[in-house]
């Protein structure tokens, strides 16, 4: 049986990435925070020429 209903999902506030000018950088920074030292993340992302 196909279920095309809509539902509301509550996402806890501490799981949200808010107030970001560049969502891709915010997601990578949130995920790999311990991998890059300050500034390295921006350089790494700025050298990417294509996005998925």
N, C-alpha and C. Protein backbone atom coordinates (compact mmCIF):
# COMPACT_ATOMS: atom_id res chain seq x y z
N UNK A 1 0.84 -1.18 0.00
CA UNK A 1 0.00 0.00 0.00
C UNK A 1 0.89 1.24 0.00
N UNK A 2 0.60 2.16 -0.87
CA UNK A 2 1.36 3.39 -1.00
C UNK A 2 0.90 4.40 0.05
N UNK A 3 1.84 5.04 0.71
CA UNK A 3 1.52 6.02 1.74
C UNK A 3 2.14 7.36 1.34
N UNK A 4 1.31 8.26 0.84
CA UNK A 4 1.78 9.58 0.42
C UNK A 4 1.44 10.66 1.43
N UNK A 5 1.26 10.31 2.66
CA UNK A 5 0.87 11.28 3.68
C UNK A 5 2.06 12.15 4.09
N UNK A 6 1.76 13.31 4.58
CA UNK A 6 2.77 14.21 5.13
C UNK A 6 2.77 14.08 6.64
N UNK A 7 3.92 14.34 7.23
CA UNK A 7 4.02 14.29 8.68
C UNK A 7 5.01 15.34 9.13
N UNK A 8 4.95 15.71 10.36
CA UNK A 8 5.85 16.70 10.94
C UNK A 8 6.88 15.98 11.79
N UNK A 9 8.14 16.34 11.59
CA UNK A 9 9.23 15.74 12.36
C UNK A 9 9.88 16.85 13.17
N UNK A 10 9.99 16.65 14.45
CA UNK A 10 10.66 17.62 15.32
C UNK A 10 12.15 17.30 15.38
N UNK A 11 12.97 18.27 14.97
CA UNK A 11 14.42 18.11 15.02
C UNK A 11 14.92 18.94 16.20
N UNK A 12 15.67 18.33 17.11
CA UNK A 12 16.18 19.08 18.27
C UNK A 12 17.04 20.26 17.83
N UNK A 13 16.94 21.35 18.54
CA UNK A 13 17.65 22.58 18.22
C UNK A 13 19.16 22.38 18.14
N UNK A 14 19.72 21.51 19.00
CA UNK A 14 21.16 21.31 19.01
C UNK A 14 21.66 20.51 17.80
N UNK A 15 20.76 19.98 17.00
CA UNK A 15 21.16 19.25 15.79
C UNK A 15 21.10 20.13 14.54
N UNK A 16 20.59 21.35 14.67
CA UNK A 16 20.46 22.24 13.53
C UNK A 16 21.74 23.04 13.31
N UNK A 17 22.04 23.30 12.05
CA UNK A 17 23.15 24.19 11.70
C UNK A 17 22.50 25.48 11.23
N UNK A 18 22.61 26.51 12.03
CA UNK A 18 21.90 27.75 11.75
C UNK A 18 22.85 28.89 11.40
N UNK A 19 22.28 29.93 10.83
CA UNK A 19 22.98 31.19 10.56
C UNK A 19 24.28 31.00 9.79
N UNK A 20 24.19 30.38 8.65
CA UNK A 20 25.39 30.17 7.85
C UNK A 20 25.23 30.82 6.49
N UNK A 21 26.27 31.55 6.06
CA UNK A 21 26.25 32.14 4.72
C UNK A 21 26.55 31.09 3.67
N UNK A 22 27.32 30.07 4.02
CA UNK A 22 27.68 29.01 3.07
C UNK A 22 27.31 27.67 3.69
N UNK A 23 26.18 27.10 3.30
CA UNK A 23 25.72 25.85 3.92
C UNK A 23 26.69 24.69 3.77
N UNK A 24 27.38 24.59 2.64
CA UNK A 24 28.32 23.48 2.45
C UNK A 24 29.46 23.55 3.46
N UNK A 25 30.03 24.71 3.64
CA UNK A 25 31.11 24.88 4.61
C UNK A 25 30.60 24.59 6.02
N UNK A 26 29.39 25.02 6.33
CA UNK A 26 28.82 24.78 7.66
C UNK A 26 28.65 23.29 7.93
N UNK A 27 28.19 22.54 6.93
CA UNK A 27 27.99 21.10 7.10
C UNK A 27 29.32 20.39 7.28
N UNK A 28 30.30 20.71 6.43
CA UNK A 28 31.62 20.06 6.53
C UNK A 28 32.28 20.43 7.84
N UNK A 29 32.19 21.69 8.23
CA UNK A 29 32.80 22.14 9.49
C UNK A 29 32.15 21.45 10.69
N UNK A 30 30.85 21.28 10.64
CA UNK A 30 30.15 20.61 11.73
C UNK A 30 30.51 19.13 11.80
N UNK A 31 30.67 18.50 10.64
CA UNK A 31 30.95 17.07 10.58
C UNK A 31 32.41 16.75 10.89
N UNK A 32 33.32 17.55 10.35
CA UNK A 32 34.75 17.27 10.47
C UNK A 32 35.47 18.34 11.27
N UNK A 33 34.85 18.80 12.34
CA UNK A 33 35.39 19.90 13.14
C UNK A 33 36.80 19.63 13.65
N UNK A 34 37.11 18.41 14.04
CA UNK A 34 38.42 18.10 14.62
C UNK A 34 39.49 17.83 13.56
N UNK A 35 39.10 17.65 12.30
CA UNK A 35 40.05 17.28 11.25
C UNK A 35 40.86 18.48 10.78
N UNK A 36 40.20 19.62 10.61
CA UNK A 36 40.86 20.80 10.05
C UNK A 36 41.18 21.80 11.15
N UNK A 37 42.38 22.37 11.07
CA UNK A 37 42.68 23.47 11.98
C UNK A 37 42.05 24.73 11.40
N UNK A 38 42.04 25.79 12.17
CA UNK A 38 41.39 27.03 11.76
C UNK A 38 41.96 27.52 10.43
N UNK A 39 41.10 27.79 9.49
CA UNK A 39 41.53 28.30 8.20
C UNK A 39 41.72 27.23 7.14
N UNK A 40 42.12 26.04 7.52
CA UNK A 40 42.35 24.98 6.54
C UNK A 40 41.06 24.55 5.86
N UNK A 41 39.95 24.55 6.58
CA UNK A 41 38.68 24.14 6.01
C UNK A 41 38.29 25.07 4.87
N UNK A 42 38.42 26.37 5.09
CA UNK A 42 38.05 27.33 4.05
C UNK A 42 38.91 27.13 2.80
N UNK A 43 40.19 26.91 2.98
CA UNK A 43 41.09 26.69 1.84
C UNK A 43 40.71 25.41 1.12
N UNK A 44 40.43 24.35 1.84
CA UNK A 44 40.06 23.07 1.22
C UNK A 44 38.78 23.21 0.42
N UNK A 45 37.77 23.84 0.98
CA UNK A 45 36.50 24.00 0.29
C UNK A 45 36.64 24.95 -0.89
N UNK A 46 37.42 25.99 -0.76
CA UNK A 46 37.55 26.96 -1.85
C UNK A 46 38.25 26.37 -3.06
N UNK A 47 39.01 25.30 -2.88
CA UNK A 47 39.70 24.66 -4.00
C UNK A 47 38.85 23.62 -4.72
N UNK A 48 37.71 23.31 -4.17
CA UNK A 48 36.80 22.38 -4.84
C UNK A 48 36.18 23.11 -6.03
N UNK A 49 36.27 22.50 -7.21
CA UNK A 49 35.77 23.19 -8.40
C UNK A 49 34.37 22.73 -8.79
N UNK A 50 33.95 21.57 -8.35
CA UNK A 50 32.60 21.10 -8.67
C UNK A 50 31.94 20.59 -7.40
N UNK A 51 30.65 20.77 -7.35
CA UNK A 51 29.85 20.24 -6.25
C UNK A 51 29.03 19.09 -6.79
N UNK A 52 28.60 18.21 -5.92
CA UNK A 52 27.83 17.04 -6.33
C UNK A 52 26.53 17.43 -6.96
